[in-house]
C-alpha atoms as a PDB file:
ATOM      1  CA  MET A   1     -26.763 -15.157 -16.304  1.00  0.00           C
ATOM      2  CA  SER A   2     -25.983 -11.551 -15.346  1.00  0.00           C
ATOM      3  CA  ILE A   3     -24.439 -10.406 -12.074  1.00  0.00           C
ATOM      4  CA  PRO A   4     -26.658  -7.936 -10.139  1.00  0.00           C
ATOM      5  CA  SER A   5     -25.017  -4.558 -10.754  1.00  0.00           C
ATOM      6  CA  ARG A   6     -25.654  -3.078  -7.279  1.00  0.00           C
ATOM      7  CA  MET A   7     -24.265  -6.163  -5.587  1.00  0.00           C
ATOM      8  CA  LEU A   8     -21.265  -6.214  -7.906  1.00  0.00           C
ATOM      9  CA  GLU A   9     -20.560  -2.574  -7.093  1.00  0.00           C
ATOM     10  CA  ALA A  10     -20.826  -3.215  -3.361  1.00  0.00           C
ATOM     11  CA  TYR A  11     -18.447  -6.192  -3.386  1.00  0.00           C
ATOM     12  CA  GLY A  12     -16.158  -4.135  -5.607  1.00  0.00           C
ATOM     13  CA  LEU A  13     -15.112  -2.128  -2.543  1.00  0.00           C
ATOM     14  CA  GLY A  14     -13.178  -5.175  -1.365  1.00  0.00           C
ATOM     15  CA  ALA A  15     -10.710  -4.472   1.411  1.00  0.00           C
ATOM     16  CA  THR A  16     -11.017  -0.722   1.997  1.00  0.00           C
ATOM     17  CA  LEU A  17      -7.647   0.703   3.007  1.00  0.00           C
ATOM     18  CA  TYR A  18      -7.657   3.675   5.387  1.00  0.00           C
ATOM     19  CA  MET A  19      -4.731   6.086   4.992  1.00  0.00           C
ATOM     20  CA  PRO A  20      -4.004   9.417   6.669  1.00  0.00           C
ATOM     21  CA  ILE A  21      -4.397  12.128   4.047  1.00  0.00           C
ATOM     22  CA  ILE A  22      -0.878  13.333   4.899  1.00  0.00           C
ATOM     23  CA  HIS A  23       0.730   9.947   4.152  1.00  0.00           C
ATOM     24  CA  PRO A  24       3.590  10.582   1.704  1.00  0.00           C
ATOM     25  CA  ARG A  25       2.333   7.956  -0.791  1.00  0.00           C
ATOM     26  CA  VAL A  26      -1.109   9.518  -1.199  1.00  0.00           C
ATOM     27  CA  PRO A  27      -0.336  11.896  -4.105  1.00  0.00           C
ATOM     28  CA  ALA A  28       1.315   9.160  -6.185  1.00  0.00           C
ATOM     29  CA  ILE A  29      -1.507   6.681  -5.542  1.00  0.00           C
ATOM     30  CA  LEU A  30      -4.217   9.158  -6.425  1.00  0.00           C
ATOM     31  CA  SER A  31      -2.530  10.253  -9.636  1.00  0.00           C
ATOM     32  CA  GLY A  32      -1.992   6.673 -10.767  1.00  0.00           C
ATOM     33  CA  ARG A  33       1.810   6.926 -10.659  1.00  0.00           C
ATOM     34  CA  GLU A  34       1.869   4.297  -7.912  1.00  0.00           C
ATOM     35  CA  ALA A  35      -0.339   1.236  -7.647  1.00  0.00           C
ATOM     36  CA  CYS A  36      -2.700   0.940  -4.711  1.00  0.00           C
ATOM     37  CA  PRO A  37      -2.914  -2.512  -3.094  1.00  0.00           C
ATOM     38  CA  ALA A  38      -6.640  -2.065  -2.377  1.00  0.00           C
ATOM     39  CA  ARG A  39      -9.737  -1.682  -4.530  1.00  0.00           C
ATOM     40  CA  SER A  40     -10.932   1.262  -2.453  1.00  0.00           C
ATOM     41  CA  ILE A  41      -9.199   3.812  -0.264  1.00  0.00           C
ATOM     42  CA  VAL A  42     -10.302   6.235   2.439  1.00  0.00           C
ATOM     43  CA  LEU A  43      -8.275   9.402   2.909  1.00  0.00           C
ATOM     44  CA  CYS A  44      -8.731  10.068   6.601  1.00  0.00           C
ATOM     45  CA  LEU A  45      -8.948  13.496   8.187  1.00  0.00           C
ATOM     46  CA  GLU A  46     -10.435  12.145  11.407  1.00  0.00           C
ATOM     47  CA  ASP A  47      -8.945   9.560  13.777  1.00  0.00           C
ATOM     48  CA  ALA A  48      -5.778   9.091  11.706  1.00  0.00           C
ATOM     49  CA  LEU A  49      -4.726  12.716  12.230  1.00  0.00           C
ATOM     50  CA  ALA A  50      -3.656  14.553  15.335  1.00  0.00           C
ATOM     51  CA  GLU A  51      -5.520  17.784  15.958  1.00  0.00           C
ATOM     52  CA  ASN A  52      -2.518  19.888  14.968  1.00  0.00           C
ATOM     53  CA  ASP A  53      -2.298  18.090  11.588  1.00  0.00           C
ATOM     54  CA  VAL A  54      -5.874  18.801  10.502  1.00  0.00           C
ATOM     55  CA  ASP A  55      -5.250  22.110   8.721  1.00  0.00           C
ATOM     56  CA  ARG A  56      -2.310  20.579   6.898  1.00  0.00           C
ATOM     57  CA  GLY A  57      -4.473  17.605   5.935  1.00  0.00           C
ATOM     58  CA  ILE A  58      -7.165  19.839   4.465  1.00  0.00           C
ATOM     59  CA  SER A  59      -4.543  21.710   2.457  1.00  0.00           C
ATOM     60  CA  VAL A  60      -3.130  18.438   1.138  1.00  0.00           C
ATOM     61  CA  LEU A  61      -6.588  17.270   0.123  1.00  0.00           C
ATOM     62  CA  ARG A  62      -7.299  20.485  -1.752  1.00  0.00           C
ATOM     63  CA  SER A  63      -3.985  20.201  -3.591  1.00  0.00           C
ATOM     64  CA  VAL A  64      -4.324  16.547  -4.644  1.00  0.00           C
ATOM     65  CA  LEU A  65      -7.982  16.480  -5.698  1.00  0.00           C
ATOM     66  CA  GLY A  66      -7.213  17.870  -9.129  1.00  0.00           C
ATOM     67  CA  ASN A  67      -4.784  15.008  -9.751  1.00  0.00           C
ATOM     68  CA  VAL A  68      -7.169  12.204  -8.822  1.00  0.00           C
ATOM     69  CA  ALA A  69      -7.174   9.960 -11.857  1.00  0.00           C
ATOM     70  CA  HIS A  70     -10.469   8.552 -13.096  1.00  0.00           C
ATOM     71  CA  ARG A  71      -9.598   4.892 -12.621  1.00  0.00           C
ATOM     72  CA  SER A  72     -11.751   1.796 -12.769  1.00  0.00           C
ATOM     73  CA  ASP A  73      -9.434  -0.028 -10.359  1.00  0.00           C
ATOM     74  CA  LEU A  74      -9.606   2.380  -7.402  1.00  0.00           C
ATOM     75  CA  ARG A  75     -12.515   4.033  -5.617  1.00  0.00           C
ATOM     76  CA  VAL A  76     -11.599   7.042  -3.486  1.00  0.00           C
ATOM     77  CA  PHE A  77     -13.422   8.348  -0.410  1.00  0.00           C
ATOM     78  CA  VAL A  78     -12.618  11.093   2.087  1.00  0.00           C
ATOM     79  CA  ARG A  79     -13.350  10.844   5.795  1.00  0.00           C
ATOM     80  CA  PRO A  80     -13.960  14.289   7.339  1.00  0.00           C
ATOM     81  CA  ARG A  81     -14.007  14.862  11.079  1.00  0.00           C
ATOM     82  CA  SER A  82     -17.564  16.194  11.183  1.00  0.00           C
ATOM     83  CA  LEU A  83     -20.579  17.183   9.135  1.00  0.00           C
ATOM     84  CA  GLU A  84     -19.397  20.790   9.296  1.00  0.00           C
ATOM     85  CA  MET A  85     -16.043  19.842   7.786  1.00  0.00           C
ATOM     86  CA  ALA A  86     -17.812  17.791   5.119  1.00  0.00           C
ATOM     87  CA  HIS A  87     -19.796  20.884   4.078  1.00  0.00           C
ATOM     88  CA  ARG A  88     -16.516  22.781   3.780  1.00  0.00           C
ATOM     89  CA  LEU A  89     -14.831  20.039   1.748  1.00  0.00           C
ATOM     90  CA  SER A  90     -17.833  19.620  -0.509  1.00  0.00           C
ATOM     91  CA  GLY A  91     -17.184  23.132  -1.821  1.00  0.00           C
ATOM     92  CA  PHE A  92     -13.704  22.244  -3.078  1.00  0.00           C
ATOM     93  CA  ARG A  93     -13.421  22.619  -6.834  1.00  0.00           C
ATOM     94  CA  ASP A  94     -12.541  19.014  -7.695  1.00  0.00           C
ATOM     95  CA  ILE A  95     -14.438  17.207  -4.937  1.00  0.00           C
ATOM     96  CA  GLY A  96     -16.468  15.422  -7.617  1.00  0.00           C
ATOM     97  CA  ARG A  97     -13.387  13.398  -8.525  1.00  0.00           C
ATOM     98  CA  ILE A  98     -13.866  11.267  -5.402  1.00  0.00           C
ATOM     99  CA  GLU A  99     -16.748   8.817  -4.973  1.00  0.00           C
ATOM    100  CA  GLY A 100     -17.907  10.281  -1.696  1.00  0.00           C
ATOM    101  CA  PHE A 101     -17.496  10.739   2.040  1.00  0.00           C
ATOM    102  CA  VAL A 102     -17.069   8.290   4.889  1.00  0.00           C
ATOM    103  CA  ALA A 103     -19.262   9.892   7.537  1.00  0.00           C
ATOM    104  CA  PRO A 104     -18.011   9.372  11.107  1.00  0.00           C
ATOM    105  CA  LYS A 105     -20.243   8.654  14.097  1.00  0.00           C
ATOM    106  CA  VAL A 106     -23.533   8.783  12.226  1.00  0.00           C
ATOM    107  CA  ARG A 107     -26.616   8.612  14.445  1.00  0.00           C
ATOM    108  CA  PRO A 108     -30.337   8.657  13.620  1.00  0.00           C
ATOM    109  CA  GLU A 109     -30.454  12.378  14.412  1.00  0.00           C
ATOM    110  CA  THR A 110     -27.673  13.234  11.924  1.00  0.00           C
ATOM    111  CA  ALA A 111     -28.126  10.608   9.211  1.00  0.00           C
ATOM    112  CA  GLY A 112     -30.592  12.717   7.229  1.00  0.00           C
ATOM    113  CA  ASP A 113     -28.259  15.712   7.189  1.00  0.00           C
ATOM    114  CA  TRP A 114     -25.438  13.589   5.795  1.00  0.00           C
ATOM    115  CA  MET A 115     -27.717  12.098   3.155  1.00  0.00           C
ATOM    116  CA  ASP A 116     -28.940  15.558   2.127  1.00  0.00           C
ATOM    117  CA  LEU A 117     -25.360  16.788   1.767  1.00  0.00           C
ATOM    118  CA  VAL A 118     -24.154  14.028  -0.546  1.00  0.00           C
ATOM    119  CA  ALA A 119     -27.323  14.137  -2.620  1.00  0.00           C
ATOM    120  CA  THR A 120     -26.886  17.874  -3.165  1.00  0.00           C
ATOM    121  CA  ARG A 121     -23.234  17.454  -4.200  1.00  0.00           C
ATOM    122  CA  GLY A 122     -23.782  14.361  -6.356  1.00  0.00           C
ATOM    123  CA  LEU A 123     -21.578  12.231  -4.102  1.00  0.00           C
ATOM    124  CA  LYS A 124     -22.027   8.910  -2.329  1.00  0.00           C
ATOM    125  CA  ILE A 125     -21.604   8.098   1.323  1.00  0.00           C
ATOM    126  CA  MET A 126     -20.353   5.371   3.610  1.00  0.00           C
ATOM    127  CA  PRO A 127     -22.010   6.154   6.938  1.00  0.00           C
ATOM    128  CA  THR A 128     -20.093   4.777   9.903  1.00  0.00           C
ATOM    129  CA  LEU A 129     -21.935   3.443  12.937  1.00  0.00           C
ATOM    130  CA  GLU A 130     -19.561   3.527  15.895  1.00  0.00           C
ATOM    131  CA  THR A 131     -21.262   5.084  18.918  1.00  0.00           C
ATOM    132  CA  ALA A 132     -22.526   3.343  22.044  1.00  0.00           C
ATOM    133  CA  ASP A 133     -26.182   3.956  21.231  1.00  0.00           C
ATOM    134  CA  PHE A 134     -26.033   1.172  18.604  1.00  0.00           C
ATOM    135  CA  PHE A 135     -25.813  -1.407  21.348  1.00  0.00           C
ATOM    136  CA  ASP A 136     -29.570  -0.729  21.406  1.00  0.00           C
ATOM    137  CA  PRO A 137     -31.286  -2.506  18.480  1.00  0.00           C
ATOM    138  CA  GLY A 138     -33.920   0.217  18.491  1.00  0.00           C
ATOM    139  CA  ARG A 139     -31.246   2.712  17.448  1.00  0.00           C
ATOM    140  CA  ILE A 140     -30.115   0.421  14.625  1.00  0.00           C
ATOM    141  CA  ALA A 141     -33.701   0.269  13.411  1.00  0.00           C
ATOM    142  CA  ALA A 142     -34.040   4.044  13.748  1.00  0.00           C
ATOM    143  CA  VAL A 143     -31.027   4.857  11.564  1.00  0.00           C
ATOM    144  CA  ARG A 144     -32.116   2.229   9.031  1.00  0.00           C
ATOM    145  CA  ASP A 145     -35.505   3.929   8.817  1.00  0.00           C
ATOM    146  CA  VAL A 146     -33.805   7.258   8.098  1.00  0.00           C
ATOM    147  CA  PHE A 147     -31.755   5.687   5.300  1.00  0.00           C
ATOM    148  CA  ASN A 148     -34.976   4.242   3.880  1.00  0.00           C
ATOM    149  CA  MET A 149     -36.194   7.782   3.236  1.00  0.00           C
ATOM    150  CA  PHE A 150     -33.384   8.428   0.724  1.00  0.00           C
ATOM    151  CA  ASP A 151     -32.084   6.991  -2.527  1.00  0.00           C
ATOM    152  CA  PRO A 152     -30.333   3.755  -1.493  1.00  0.00           C
ATOM    153  CA  ASP A 153     -27.879   4.109  -4.366  1.00  0.00           C
ATOM    154  CA  ARG A 154     -26.280   7.018  -2.469  1.00  0.00           C
ATOM    155  CA  ILE A 155     -24.968   4.537   0.122  1.00  0.00           C
ATOM    156  CA  SER A 156     -21.853   2.745  -1.102  1.00  0.00           C
ATOM    157  CA  ALA A 157     -21.754   0.765   2.142  1.00  0.00           C
ATOM    158  CA  ILE A 158     -22.568   1.073   5.817  1.00  0.00           C
ATOM    159  CA  ARG A 159     -19.344   0.783   7.798  1.00  0.00           C
ATOM    160  CA  LEU A 160     -19.062  -0.484  11.378  1.00  0.00           C
ATOM    161  CA  GLY A 161     -16.533   1.054  13.760  1.00  0.00           C
ATOM    162  CA  GLY A 162     -15.503  -1.913  15.852  1.00  0.00           C
ATOM    163  CA  ASN A 163     -12.763  -0.153  17.808  1.00  0.00           C
ATOM    164  CA  ASP A 164     -15.091   2.660  18.808  1.00  0.00           C
ATOM    165  CA  PHE A 165     -17.727   0.152  19.922  1.00  0.00           C
ATOM    166  CA  LEU A 166     -15.129  -1.570  22.077  1.00  0.00           C
ATOM    167  CA  GLY A 167     -13.862   1.777  23.354  1.00  0.00           C
ATOM    168  CA  ALA A 168     -17.352   2.524  24.648  1.00  0.00           C
ATOM    169  CA  LEU A 169     -16.981  -0.622  26.771  1.00  0.00           C
ATOM    170  CA  GLY A 170     -13.482   0.281  27.925  1.00  0.00           C
ATOM    171  CA  LEU A 171     -12.069  -2.598  25.856  1.00  0.00           C
ATOM    172  CA  ARG A 172      -9.858  -3.147  22.828  1.00  0.00           C
ATOM    173  CA  ARG A 173      -9.227  -5.955  20.344  1.00  0.00           C
ATOM    174  CA  THR A 174      -7.482  -9.049  21.708  1.00  0.00           C
ATOM    175  CA  ARG A 175      -4.928 -11.026  19.740  1.00  0.00           C
ATOM    176  CA  GLY A 176      -6.326 -14.360  18.601  1.00  0.00           C
ATOM    177  CA  VAL A 177      -9.983 -13.446  19.259  1.00  0.00           C
ATOM    178  CA  THR A 178     -12.223 -12.549  16.329  1.00  0.00           C
ATOM    179  CA  SER A 179     -14.842  -9.844  16.649  1.00  0.00           C
ATOM    180  CA  TRP A 180     -17.503 -12.552  16.429  1.00  0.00           C
ATOM    181  CA  GLU A 181     -16.080 -14.343  19.474  1.00  0.00           C
ATOM    182  CA  GLY A 182     -15.937 -11.227  21.621  1.00  0.00           C
ATOM    183  CA  PRO A 183     -18.464  -8.623  22.753  1.00  0.00           C
ATOM    184  CA  LEU A 184     -18.837  -7.201  19.231  1.00  0.00           C
ATOM    185  CA  GLY A 185     -20.507 -10.376  17.998  1.00  0.00           C
ATOM    186  CA  TRP A 186     -23.979  -9.330  19.078  1.00  0.00           C
ATOM    187  CA  VAL A 187     -23.739  -5.899  17.409  1.00  0.00           C
ATOM    188  CA  LEU A 188     -22.389  -7.383  14.191  1.00  0.00           C
ATOM    189  CA  SER A 189     -25.189  -9.950  14.120  1.00  0.00           C
ATOM    190  CA  MET A 190     -27.831  -7.272  14.665  1.00  0.00           C
ATOM    191  CA  CYS A 191     -26.408  -5.072  11.923  1.00  0.00           C
ATOM    192  CA  SER A 192     -26.292  -8.023   9.557  1.00  0.00           C
ATOM    193  CA  ALA A 193     -29.888  -8.956  10.325  1.00  0.00           C
ATOM    194  CA  MET A 194     -31.315  -5.446  10.161  1.00  0.00           C
ATOM    195  CA  PHE A 195     -29.307  -3.824   7.354  1.00  0.00           C
ATOM    196  CA  VAL A 196     -28.466  -6.704   5.032  1.00  0.00           C
ATOM    197  CA  SER A 197     -32.057  -7.930   5.130  1.00  0.00           C
ATOM    198  CA  ALA A 198     -33.153  -4.406   4.124  1.00  0.00           C
ATOM    199  CA  GLY A 199     -30.860  -4.492   1.093  1.00  0.00           C
ATOM    200  CA  TYR A 200     -27.991  -2.353   2.391  1.00  0.00           C
ATOM    201  CA  PRO A 201     -24.347  -3.346   1.850  1.00  0.00           C
ATOM    202  CA  VAL A 202     -22.452  -3.550   5.140  1.00  0.00           C
ATOM    203  CA  ALA A 203     -18.661  -3.528   5.548  1.00  0.00           C
ATOM    204  CA  ALA A 204     -17.000  -5.297   8.474  1.00  0.00           C
ATOM    205  CA  PRO A 205     -14.721  -3.511  10.968  1.00  0.00           C
ATOM    206  CA  VAL A 206     -10.943  -3.590  11.042  1.00  0.00           C
ATOM    207  CA  TYR A 207      -8.868  -6.164  12.897  1.00  0.00           C
ATOM    208  CA  ASP A 208      -6.053  -4.003  14.195  1.00  0.00           C
ATOM    209  CA  VAL A 209      -3.581  -6.652  15.340  1.00  0.00           C
ATOM    210  CA  ILE A 210      -1.615  -6.276  12.137  1.00  0.00           C
ATOM    211  CA  ASP A 211       0.723  -9.266  12.484  1.00  0.00           C
ATOM    212  CA  ASP A 212      -2.008 -11.765  13.421  1.00  0.00           C
ATOM    213  CA  LEU A 213      -3.155 -12.718   9.941  1.00  0.00           C
ATOM    214  CA  ASP A 214      -4.599 -16.079  10.964  1.00  0.00           C
ATOM    215  CA  THR A 215      -7.197 -14.449  13.218  1.00  0.00           C
ATOM    216  CA  LEU A 216      -7.908 -11.917  10.471  1.00  0.00           C
ATOM    217  CA  ARG A 217      -8.587 -14.796   8.085  1.00  0.00           C
ATOM    218  CA  ARG A 218     -10.968 -16.506  10.506  1.00  0.00           C
ATOM    219  CA  GLU A 219     -12.737 -13.236  11.235  1.00  0.00           C
ATOM    220  CA  THR A 220     -13.156 -12.345   7.566  1.00  0.00           C
ATOM    221  CA  GLU A 221     -14.567 -15.775   6.750  1.00  0.00           C
ATOM    222  CA  ARG A 222     -17.212 -15.135   9.403  1.00  0.00           C
ATOM    223  CA  ASP A 223     -17.831 -11.650   7.960  1.00  0.00           C
ATOM    224  CA  VAL A 224     -18.478 -13.222   4.562  1.00  0.00           C
ATOM    225  CA  ALA A 225     -20.885 -15.732   6.091  1.00  0.00           C
ATOM    226  CA  ALA A 226     -22.811 -12.844   7.682  1.00  0.00           C
ATOM    227  CA  GLY A 227     -23.372 -11.224   4.289  1.00  0.00           C
ATOM    228  CA  PHE A 228     -20.891  -8.358   4.699  1.00  0.00           C
ATOM    229  CA  ILE A 229     -19.507  -7.078   1.395  1.00  0.00           C
ATOM    230  CA  GLY A 230     -16.029  -5.949   2.443  1.00  0.00           C
ATOM    231  CA  LYS A 231     -13.781  -5.137   5.343  1.00  0.00           C
ATOM    232  CA  THR A 232     -11.730  -2.216   6.581  1.00  0.00           C
ATOM    233  CA  ALA A 233      -7.951  -2.641   6.350  1.00  0.00           C
ATOM    234  CA  ILE A 234      -5.306  -0.491   8.026  1.00  0.00           C
ATOM    235  CA  HIS A 235      -2.213  -2.151   6.565  1.00  0.00           C
ATOM    236  CA  PRO A 236      -1.425  -3.497   3.084  1.00  0.00           C
ATOM    237  CA  ALA A 237      -0.458  -6.881   4.552  1.00  0.00           C
ATOM    238  CA  GLN A 238      -4.094  -7.445   5.493  1.00  0.00           C
ATOM    239  CA  ILE A 239      -5.456  -6.992   1.981  1.00  0.00           C
ATOM    240  CA  PRO A 240      -4.472 -10.371   0.432  1.00  0.00           C
ATOM    241  CA  VAL A 241      -5.925 -12.191   3.449  1.00  0.00           C
ATOM    242  CA  ILE A 242      -9.227 -10.336   3.191  1.00  0.00           C
ATOM    243  CA  THR A 243      -9.361 -10.826  -0.563  1.00  0.00           C
ATOM    244  CA  GLU A 244      -8.749 -14.564  -0.310  1.00  0.00           C
ATOM    245  CA  ALA A 245     -11.503 -14.962   2.289  1.00  0.00           C
ATOM    246  CA  PHE A 246     -13.976 -13.323  -0.088  1.00  0.00           C
ATOM    247  CA  ARG A 247     -13.141 -15.697  -2.940  1.00  0.00           C
ATOM    248  CA  VAL A 248     -15.819 -18.279  -3.688  1.00  0.00           C
ATOM    249  CA  GLY A 249     -15.565 -22.018  -3.154  1.00  0.00           C
ATOM    250  CA  SER A 250     -16.072 -24.117  -6.271  1.00  0.00           C
ATOM    251  CA  ASP A 251     -18.954 -26.091  -4.717  1.00  0.00           C
ATOM    252  CA  ASP A 252     -20.792 -22.881  -3.767  1.00  0.00           C
ATOM    253  CA  LEU A 253     -20.293 -21.458  -7.243  1.00  0.00           C
ATOM    254  CA  ALA A 254     -21.651 -24.607  -8.913  1.00  0.00           C
ATOM    255  CA  GLN A 255     -24.715 -24.553  -6.665  1.00  0.00           C
ATOM    256  CA  ALA A 256     -25.288 -20.819  -7.202  1.00  0.00           C
ATOM    257  CA  ARG A 257     -25.161 -21.175 -10.975  1.00  0.00           C
ATOM    258  CA  ALA A 258     -27.576 -24.082 -10.863  1.00  0.00           C
ATOM    259  CA  ILE A 259     -29.976 -22.145  -8.624  1.00  0.00           C
ATOM    260  CA  LEU A 260     -29.963 -19.174 -11.012  1.00  0.00           C
ATOM    261  CA  ASP A 261     -30.427 -21.358 -14.098  1.00  0.00           C
ATOM    262  CA  GLU A 262     -33.815 -20.568 -15.637  1.00  0.00           C
ATOM    263  CA  SER A 263     -34.443 -24.275 -16.173  1.00  0.00           C
ATOM    264  CA  ALA A 264     -33.797 -25.169 -12.509  1.00  0.00           C
ATOM    265  CA  GLY A 265     -36.327 -27.324 -10.742  1.00  0.00           C
ATOM    266  CA  ALA A 266     -38.210 -26.218  -7.641  1.00  0.00           C
ATOM    267  CA  VAL A 267     -35.962 -28.328  -5.407  1.00  0.00           C
ATOM    268  CA  PHE A 268     -32.872 -30.327  -6.310  1.00  0.00           C
ATOM    269  CA  GLN A 269     -29.595 -31.430  -4.777  1.00  0.00           C
ATOM    270  CA  ILE A 270     -25.967 -31.020  -5.743  1.00  0.00           C
ATOM    271  CA  GLY A 271     -23.318 -32.971  -3.894  1.00  0.00           C
ATOM    272  CA  GLY A 272     -25.712 -33.879  -1.113  1.00  0.00           C
ATOM    273  CA  VAL A 273     -26.834 -30.266  -0.529  1.00  0.00           C
ATOM    274  CA  MET A 274     -30.446 -29.239  -1.103  1.00  0.00           C
ATOM    275  CA  CYS A 275     -30.930 -26.302  -3.458  1.00  0.00           C
ATOM    276  CA  GLU A 276     -34.232 -24.425  -3.518  1.00  0.00           C
ATOM    277  CA  PRO A 277     -34.227 -21.491  -5.988  1.00  0.00           C
ATOM    278  CA  SER A 278     -37.163 -19.693  -4.387  1.00  0.00           C
ATOM    279  CA  THR A 279     -35.331 -19.615  -1.044  1.00  0.00           C
ATOM    280  CA  HIS A 280     -31.695 -19.500  -2.128  1.00  0.00           C
ATOM    281  CA  HIS A 281     -31.924 -16.985  -4.992  1.00  0.00           C
ATOM    282  CA  ASN A 282     -30.447 -14.056  -3.037  1.00  0.00           C
ATOM    283  CA  TRP A 283     -27.627 -16.236  -1.721  1.00  0.00           C
ATOM    284  CA  ALA A 284     -26.834 -17.351  -5.261  1.00  0.00           C
ATOM    285  CA  CYS A 285     -26.734 -13.727  -6.422  1.00  0.00           C
ATOM    286  CA  ARG A 286     -24.235 -12.943  -3.663  1.00  0.00           C
ATOM    287  CA  VAL A 287     -22.018 -15.860  -4.620  1.00  0.00           C
ATOM    288  CA  THR A 288     -21.973 -14.922  -8.308  1.00  0.00           C
ATOM    289  CA  ALA A 289     -21.215 -11.288  -7.411  1.00  0.00           C
ATOM    290  CA  ARG A 290     -18.320 -12.338  -5.177  1.00  0.00           C
ATOM    291  CA  ASN A 291     -17.025 -14.588  -7.941  1.00  0.00           C
ATOM    292  CA  GLY A 292     -17.265 -11.694 -10.391  1.00  0.00           C
ATOM    293  CA  ILE A 293     -15.047  -9.535  -8.178  1.00  0.00           C
ATOM    294  CA  PHE A 294     -12.784 -11.913  -6.269  1.00  0.00           C
ATOM    295  CA  GLY A 295     -12.908 -15.077  -8.347  1.00  0.00           C
ATOM    296  CA  CYS A 296     -13.058 -18.737  -7.346  1.00  0.00           C
ATOM    297  CA  ARG A 297     -10.525 -20.444  -5.100  1.00  0.00           C
ATOM    298  CA  GLY A 298      -8.021 -22.419  -7.141  1.00  0.00           C
ATOM    299  CA  VAL A 299      -8.608 -20.259 -10.228  1.00  0.00           C
ATOM    300  CA  PRO A 300      -6.360 -17.263 -11.071  1.00  0.00           C
ATOM    301  CA  GLU A 301      -8.070 -14.047  -9.975  1.00  0.00           C
ATOM    302  CA  VAL A 302      -9.595 -12.039 -12.834  1.00  0.00           C
ATOM    303  CA  SER A 303     -12.427  -9.812 -11.660  1.00  0.00           C
ATOM    304  CA  ALA A 304     -15.437  -8.710 -13.681  1.00  0.00           C
ATOM    305  CA  MET A 305     -14.066  -5.188 -13.463  1.00  0.00           C
ATOM    306  CA  GLU A 306     -10.906  -6.339 -15.325  1.00  0.00           C
ATOM    307  CA  ALA A 307     -12.496  -8.736 -17.805  1.00  0.00           C
END
């Protein structure tokens, strides 16, 4: 039984840690001299930098690109402030050492331009949806239709900017309340329904109350249930919580393996739960992919990338 490669790659993003490009640990992490707590990292030139730090950030990026180690345990992305900046960065000599760009505030009118850019440069993209127009399901469908015109393998994941969505409402995250329990729940559900069903990997937004790990755990469990493949992190303390939530339960893994068994019957039950391979095949593929990356609860974590 093989794990679907595209799904394995998507779940391999894990908890994606955002760091300002000018953070003092960035050079050591990129060169491999210092371990990174996350499976993927975004070097941010946008919201994480003040306007007067942008030129310095670009200079830092140019200087560290040549030292980016080709590592199987860390995937590196850069988040520019705009499409214009992305064009500038894409001309840097060693830009091909990163996996791609995290595109901010992508809309249906700009999605094609971003996709053209990364295709031309041989990079991938994580488009971020974070503007108020995505409260309209028609706009979600419109940007999905633009993505459908391009090679889907160019999209590492679609990211959702929860704080920006809330900012459009004049709100912010509340301690103890998951995004699914607040006004973001409807948008997250729509994005799950419309993107995941179309085959796109979607990453869940950050929970920015850093010391409230219990709510982060509850929120991430709901993200997993919605079919999201990872979650944004803004602090290393969040990464173990996110990782644990993505680990697979032993009952789910047993059912998934039985569903994917070539000798499986049309309908059967395991532990009082009905299993129907024709209906549950995609779910079983997701479970085996998560197990390949995060492992099974109660079993020491050894991912498929490390095996």
